[in-house]
Amino acid sequence: MPPTFDLLVIGDANPDVIVGPLDAPFAFSRREQLVDSGALTLGGSAAITACGAARLGLRVAFAGRVGDDGAGHYMRDRLVAHGVDVSGLHLDGGLPTPLTVIVTRGDDRAILTAPGTLATTSGRDIPARLLTSTRHLHAASYFLMPGLAADLPDLFDTARVAGATTSLDTNDDPSGRWDRAALAPVLARTDLLLPNAAEAHRLAGTDGTSVAAAAELLARQVPLVAVKNGADGALCHDGRTLLSTAGIRITPQDAVGAGDSFNAGFLAGRLTGRPIAEALDLAVACGALSTRAAGGTTAQPTWDEALTHLTANGDIPS
């Protein structure tokens, strides 16, 4: 029997409150500061990736943990509205849903997260029936969920035995430790690693060298590394060959979640049989196009939108 889902995404789901741009330092002492805009949107690297992949036409399921509260119900309802199966989303009656506040300033942002249920999310929240009924398993925000991180080797093994491929986006490590020894068993079971440039350097221990050098070193640990490099585009390495693609010229409104939309584009490209170079072009287009509006999911492109953008620029065959 063919798999029920193309993609199972596991990890974080939380509302994002995005405000900005802030044109001055944070002011405490009960000072009130005004900014031009604010938005409440679906957030969490895993949740944004899931929505982006569903928008591109994949059959997507999400598994994780949120609170049994207003914020958790909001996340469940928004995932459903984006076409994501949430039968694996656990509602926790004891802890609140995580909440992230993002303050933007120019092309930078500060991110403040109250972890809530992230602290208790674990492999027990991931139904075995989903692990064995998907073509691909993607995990996000490794460092935010220590319980889930510890269980990832077993989860990846279960999915791989059932025939699935695997991918990981560690995202940032708030502790600053970047424990590569603890991560090694997960990387040994990971088919695709999806860091941004800064994360690639920290994971590879190559600060001060080129992004390409970091990708090459990481490609000795996983079969394929695709690195998001902001306005400079992206690159990937399979242990033998370095491929790169330029950034797309677009006037961004909000870059929150662009890397997660990149992930969705790359996964969609590979799961629909596109060569690595074409999947990389598609991923960059999806990341760039997602910045057209506030929040990580509002402007995520459809498959036709992304492909039309690329064929108009001669980047990918139709």
Protein backbone atom coordinates (compact mmCIF):
# COMPACT_ATOMS: atom_id res chain seq x y z
CA MET A 1 0.00 0.00 0.00
CA PRO A 2 1.44 3.43 -0.91
CA PRO A 3 2.18 5.85 1.95
CA THR A 4 -0.71 8.01 3.12
CA PHE A 5 1.44 11.14 3.34
CA ASP A 6 4.26 12.61 1.33
CA LEU A 7 5.62 14.41 4.36
CA LEU A 8 5.39 14.14 8.13
CA VAL A 9 6.72 17.18 9.99
CA ILE A 10 7.48 16.95 13.71
CA GLY A 11 8.49 19.70 16.10
CA ASP A 12 7.37 23.14 17.18
CA ALA A 13 4.07 24.95 16.65
CA ASN A 14 3.29 28.27 18.27
CA PRO A 15 1.68 31.62 17.51
CA ASP A 16 4.08 34.36 16.40
CA VAL A 17 3.41 37.95 17.46
CA ILE A 18 5.40 40.06 15.02
CA VAL A 19 5.88 43.79 15.69
CA GLY A 20 8.11 46.40 14.13
CA PRO A 21 10.15 47.81 12.74
CA LEU A 22 11.72 49.16 15.91
CA ASP A 23 13.97 52.11 15.06
CA ALA A 24 15.47 52.50 18.56
CA PRO A 25 16.84 50.22 21.30
CA PHE A 26 14.39 48.40 23.54
CA ALA A 27 13.18 50.78 26.26
CA PHE A 28 12.41 49.38 29.69
CA SER A 29 11.35 51.40 32.78
CA ARG A 30 7.71 51.09 31.63
CA ARG A 31 8.34 53.11 28.48
CA GLU A 32 5.91 52.52 25.63
CA GLN A 33 7.29 52.45 22.11
CA LEU A 34 5.25 52.64 18.92
CA VAL A 35 5.95 50.63 15.77
CA ASP A 36 4.33 50.66 12.35
CA SER A 37 2.74 47.22 12.38
CA GLY A 38 1.87 44.14 14.35
CA ALA A 39 0.52 40.74 13.38
CA LEU A 40 -0.57 37.49 15.01
CA THR A 41 0.38 34.57 12.76
CA LEU A 42 1.04 30.85 12.73
CA GLY A 43 4.63 30.22 13.81
CA GLY A 44 7.15 27.57 14.71
CA SER A 45 9.69 26.30 12.22
CA ALA A 46 8.05 22.88 11.90
CA ALA A 47 4.53 24.29 11.53
CA ILE A 48 5.58 26.85 8.91
CA THR A 49 7.41 24.16 6.92
CA ALA A 50 4.34 21.92 7.05
CA CYS A 51 2.08 24.69 5.77
CA GLY A 52 4.50 25.61 3.00
CA ALA A 53 4.71 22.02 1.81
CA ALA A 54 0.93 21.64 1.84
CA ARG A 55 0.64 24.89 -0.11
CA LEU A 56 2.94 23.34 -2.73
CA GLY A 57 0.59 20.38 -3.09
CA LEU A 58 2.16 17.73 -0.85
CA ARG A 59 0.08 15.51 1.42
CA VAL A 60 1.33 16.68 4.82
CA ALA A 61 0.82 15.59 8.42
CA PHE A 62 2.06 17.37 11.53
CA ALA A 63 2.84 15.85 14.93
CA GLY A 64 3.85 17.61 18.12
CA ARG A 65 2.45 19.13 21.29
CA VAL A 66 0.65 22.38 22.12
CA GLY A 67 -1.39 23.49 25.10
CA ASP A 68 -5.11 22.79 25.41
CA ASP A 69 -5.71 26.53 25.43
CA GLY A 70 -6.77 29.31 23.09
CA ALA A 71 -3.33 29.54 21.50
CA GLY A 72 -3.17 25.78 20.98
CA HIS A 73 -6.63 25.69 19.39
CA TYR A 74 -5.57 28.59 17.15
CA MET A 75 -2.54 26.62 15.97
CA ARG A 76 -4.59 23.48 15.35
CA ASP A 77 -7.22 25.40 13.39
CA ARG A 78 -4.66 27.29 11.30
CA LEU A 79 -2.80 24.10 10.40
CA VAL A 80 -6.08 22.51 9.32
CA ALA A 81 -6.93 25.61 7.28
CA HIS A 82 -3.64 25.17 5.43
CA GLY A 83 -4.51 21.59 4.54
CA VAL A 84 -2.28 19.85 7.12
CA ASP A 85 -3.42 16.69 8.89
CA VAL A 86 -3.30 17.32 12.66
CA SER A 87 -4.31 13.90 13.96
CA GLY A 88 -0.83 13.71 15.53
CA LEU A 89 -1.05 17.09 17.30
CA HIS A 90 -1.33 16.47 21.05
CA LEU A 91 -3.20 18.98 23.27
CA ASP A 92 -1.52 19.25 26.69
CA GLY A 93 -3.84 20.18 29.54
CA GLY A 94 -1.03 21.03 31.95
CA LEU A 95 1.28 23.40 30.07
CA PRO A 96 0.58 26.40 27.84
CA THR A 97 1.22 26.59 24.12
CA PRO A 98 4.62 28.13 23.31
CA LEU A 99 4.52 31.79 22.31
CA THR A 100 7.08 33.76 20.29
CA VAL A 101 7.35 37.54 20.05
CA ILE A 102 9.42 38.81 17.13
CA VAL A 103 10.61 42.41 17.05
CA THR A 104 11.93 43.48 13.66
CA ARG A 105 14.52 46.16 12.95
CA GLY A 106 15.72 46.64 9.39
CA ASP A 107 16.69 43.22 8.03
CA ASP A 108 17.33 41.89 11.55
CA ARG A 109 15.01 40.67 14.29
CA ALA A 110 14.96 39.78 17.97
CA ILE A 111 13.11 36.59 18.92
CA LEU A 112 11.66 36.00 22.39
CA THR A 113 10.09 32.59 23.06
CA ALA A 114 8.21 31.28 26.08
CA PRO A 115 8.71 27.50 25.67
CA GLY A 116 5.52 26.13 27.26
CA THR A 117 4.96 22.60 25.91
CA LEU A 118 8.29 22.56 24.07
CA ALA A 119 9.85 21.38 27.33
CA THR A 120 7.74 18.20 27.40
CA THR A 121 7.46 17.37 23.70
CA SER A 122 8.97 13.93 23.10
CA GLY A 123 8.87 10.90 20.85
CA ARG A 124 5.74 9.75 22.67
CA ASP A 125 3.88 12.55 20.90
CA ILE A 126 4.68 11.12 17.46
CA PRO A 127 2.25 8.34 16.50
CA ALA A 128 3.95 5.27 15.04
CA ARG A 129 1.21 5.00 12.42
CA LEU A 130 2.35 8.35 10.99
CA LEU A 131 6.03 7.40 11.03
CA THR A 132 5.27 4.30 8.98
CA SER A 133 2.85 5.93 6.52
CA THR A 134 4.93 8.78 5.09
CA ARG A 135 7.46 9.11 2.30
CA HIS A 136 9.59 11.60 4.21
CA LEU A 137 10.06 12.67 7.84
CA HIS A 138 11.22 16.22 8.64
CA ALA A 139 12.18 17.41 12.13
CA ALA A 140 12.72 21.05 13.14
CA SER A 141 13.96 23.10 16.09
CA TYR A 142 16.16 20.37 17.53
CA PHE A 143 17.63 22.52 20.30
CA LEU A 144 14.26 23.81 21.58
CA MET A 145 12.89 20.37 22.49
CA PRO A 146 15.43 18.26 24.40
CA GLY A 147 12.98 15.41 24.94
CA LEU A 148 12.17 15.11 21.25
CA ALA A 149 15.84 15.58 20.35
CA ALA A 150 16.82 12.59 22.49
CA ASP A 151 14.18 10.45 20.77
CA LEU A 152 14.98 11.49 17.19
CA PRO A 153 17.39 8.61 16.45
CA ASP A 154 14.68 6.05 17.23
CA LEU A 155 12.02 8.05 15.36
CA PHE A 156 14.24 8.37 12.30
CA ASP A 157 15.08 4.65 12.46
CA THR A 158 11.38 3.74 12.54
CA ALA A 159 10.62 5.94 9.54
CA ARG A 160 13.64 4.72 7.56
CA VAL A 161 12.80 1.05 8.15
CA ALA A 162 9.35 1.81 6.70
CA GLY A 163 11.01 3.30 3.61
CA ALA A 164 10.98 7.02 4.40
CA THR A 165 13.80 9.49 3.95
CA THR A 166 14.63 12.03 6.67
CA SER A 167 15.63 15.66 7.07
CA LEU A 168 16.55 18.00 9.90
CA ASP A 169 16.59 21.76 10.43
CA THR A 170 18.19 22.30 13.83
CA ASN A 171 17.46 26.04 13.88
CA ASP A 172 19.28 28.17 16.46
CA ASP A 173 20.56 26.92 19.82
CA PRO A 174 19.46 29.44 22.48
CA SER A 175 21.99 27.97 24.93
CA GLY A 176 24.88 28.67 22.57
CA ARG A 177 26.39 25.22 23.26
CA TRP A 178 25.72 23.55 19.88
CA ASP A 179 26.41 20.08 21.32
CA ARG A 180 27.72 18.30 18.23
CA ALA A 181 28.38 15.06 20.11
CA ALA A 182 24.71 14.77 21.13
CA LEU A 183 23.62 15.62 17.59
CA ALA A 184 25.88 13.04 15.92
CA PRO A 185 23.49 10.04 16.31
CA VAL A 186 20.73 12.07 14.66
CA LEU A 187 22.93 13.18 11.77
CA ALA A 188 23.92 9.55 11.23
CA ARG A 189 20.26 8.89 10.40
CA THR A 190 19.61 12.12 8.47
CA ASP A 191 19.44 12.17 4.68
CA LEU A 192 19.16 15.95 4.32
CA LEU A 193 20.39 18.73 6.62
CA LEU A 194 18.86 22.20 6.15
CA PRO A 195 20.72 24.87 8.19
CA ASN A 196 21.15 28.54 7.43
CA ALA A 197 24.66 29.88 6.95
CA ALA A 198 25.21 30.86 10.59
CA GLU A 199 23.87 27.52 11.82
CA ALA A 200 26.04 25.62 9.32
CA HIS A 201 29.15 27.31 10.71
CA ARG A 202 28.19 26.51 14.29
CA LEU A 203 27.32 22.89 13.49
CA ALA A 204 30.54 22.39 11.53
CA GLY A 205 32.77 24.43 13.85
CA THR A 206 33.98 26.51 10.89
CA ASP A 207 33.43 30.12 12.00
CA GLY A 208 35.70 32.38 9.98
CA THR A 209 35.69 30.22 6.85
CA SER A 210 33.37 30.20 3.84
CA VAL A 211 29.82 28.85 3.88
CA ALA A 212 30.93 26.39 1.19
CA ALA A 213 33.60 25.02 3.54
CA ALA A 214 31.01 24.49 6.26
CA ALA A 215 28.69 22.71 3.81
CA GLU A 216 31.48 20.46 2.59
CA LEU A 217 32.42 19.47 6.13
CA LEU A 218 28.80 18.74 7.08
CA ALA A 219 28.38 16.69 3.89
CA ARG A 220 30.85 14.22 5.37
CA GLN A 221 28.22 13.48 8.04
CA VAL A 222 25.00 13.51 6.00
CA PRO A 223 24.37 12.62 2.34
CA LEU A 224 23.11 16.08 1.39
CA VAL A 225 23.36 19.55 2.94
CA ALA A 226 21.35 22.53 1.67
CA VAL A 227 22.36 25.85 3.23
CA LYS A 228 20.19 28.97 3.21
CA ASN A 229 22.36 32.03 2.66
CA GLY A 230 19.96 34.96 2.83
CA ALA A 231 20.10 37.49 0.00
CA ASP A 232 23.03 35.56 -1.50
CA GLY A 233 20.76 32.59 -2.30
CA ALA A 234 21.68 29.09 -1.23
CA LEU A 235 24.09 26.25 -1.82
CA CYS A 236 24.18 22.52 -1.33
CA HIS A 237 26.80 19.82 -1.12
CA ASP A 238 26.49 16.05 -1.51
CA GLY A 239 30.02 15.18 -0.42
CA ARG A 240 31.35 15.42 -3.97
CA THR A 241 29.82 18.42 -5.71
CA LEU A 242 29.02 21.95 -4.59
CA LEU A 243 25.97 23.58 -6.20
CA SER A 244 24.83 27.14 -5.65
CA THR A 245 22.01 29.40 -6.77
CA ALA A 246 21.75 33.18 -6.54
CA GLY A 247 19.25 35.03 -4.44
CA ILE A 248 16.05 36.34 -6.05
CA ARG A 249 15.55 40.06 -6.21
CA ILE A 250 12.45 40.92 -4.24
CA THR A 251 11.49 43.72 -1.87
CA PRO A 252 10.74 41.84 1.36
CA GLN A 253 7.96 42.89 3.69
CA ASP A 254 8.84 40.36 6.39
CA ALA A 255 11.48 37.61 6.34
CA VAL A 256 10.06 35.63 9.30
CA GLY A 257 9.77 31.99 8.29
CA ALA A 258 11.54 32.40 4.94
CA GLY A 259 13.97 29.63 5.81
CA ASP A 260 11.09 27.29 6.66
CA SER A 261 9.45 28.05 3.31
CA PHE A 262 12.83 27.27 1.71
CA ASN A 263 12.72 23.91 3.47
CA ALA A 264 9.23 23.25 2.12
CA GLY A 265 10.33 24.13 -1.42
CA PHE A 266 13.41 21.91 -1.31
CA LEU A 267 11.47 18.97 0.09
CA ALA A 268 8.68 19.43 -2.46
CA GLY A 269 11.23 19.56 -5.25
CA ARG A 270 12.93 16.36 -4.20
CA LEU A 271 9.69 14.50 -3.40
CA THR A 272 8.35 15.32 -6.87
CA GLY A 273 11.48 13.95 -8.50
CA ARG A 274 13.32 17.16 -9.33
CA PRO A 275 17.13 17.02 -9.53
CA ILE A 276 19.02 18.62 -6.66
CA ALA A 277 19.88 21.79 -8.61
CA GLU A 278 16.25 22.36 -9.57
CA ALA A 279 15.06 21.67 -6.03
CA LEU A 280 17.54 24.28 -4.79
CA ASP A 281 16.22 26.87 -7.27
CA LEU A 282 12.67 26.07 -6.22
CA ALA A 283 13.56 26.36 -2.53
CA VAL A 284 15.12 29.80 -2.99
CA ALA A 285 12.03 30.96 -4.89
CA CYS A 286 9.72 29.69 -2.14
CA GLY A 287 11.77 31.36 0.57
CA ALA A 288 11.90 34.68 -1.28
CA LEU A 289 8.24 34.73 -2.27
CA SER A 290 7.19 34.02 1.32
CA THR A 291 8.60 37.42 2.36
CA ARG A 292 5.93 39.33 0.42
CA ALA A 293 3.69 39.67 3.50
CA ALA A 294 3.92 39.58 7.29
CA GLY A 295 4.25 36.19 8.95
CA GLY A 296 5.71 32.90 7.83
CA THR A 297 2.70 31.48 5.96
CA THR A 298 0.68 34.40 4.57
CA ALA A 299 2.56 34.67 1.26
CA GLN A 300 3.83 31.13 0.81
CA PRO A 301 3.56 30.30 -2.90
CA THR A 302 1.66 27.54 -4.60
CA TRP A 303 3.56 25.15 -6.85
CA ASP A 304 2.34 27.00 -9.95
CA GLU A 305 3.34 30.39 -8.51
CA ALA A 306 6.84 29.20 -7.66
CA LEU A 307 7.30 27.44 -10.98
CA THR A 308 5.94 30.40 -12.96
CA HIS A 309 8.41 32.68 -11.20
CA LEU A 310 11.29 30.38 -12.04
CA THR A 311 10.38 29.66 -15.65
CA ALA A 312 9.94 33.39 -16.27
CA ASN A 313 13.56 33.82 -15.17
CA GLY A 314 14.81 30.74 -16.98
CA ASP A 315 15.90 29.05 -13.77
CA ILE A 316 14.03 25.78 -14.02
CA PRO A 317 12.32 23.85 -16.82
CA SER A 318 8.53 23.61 -16.73
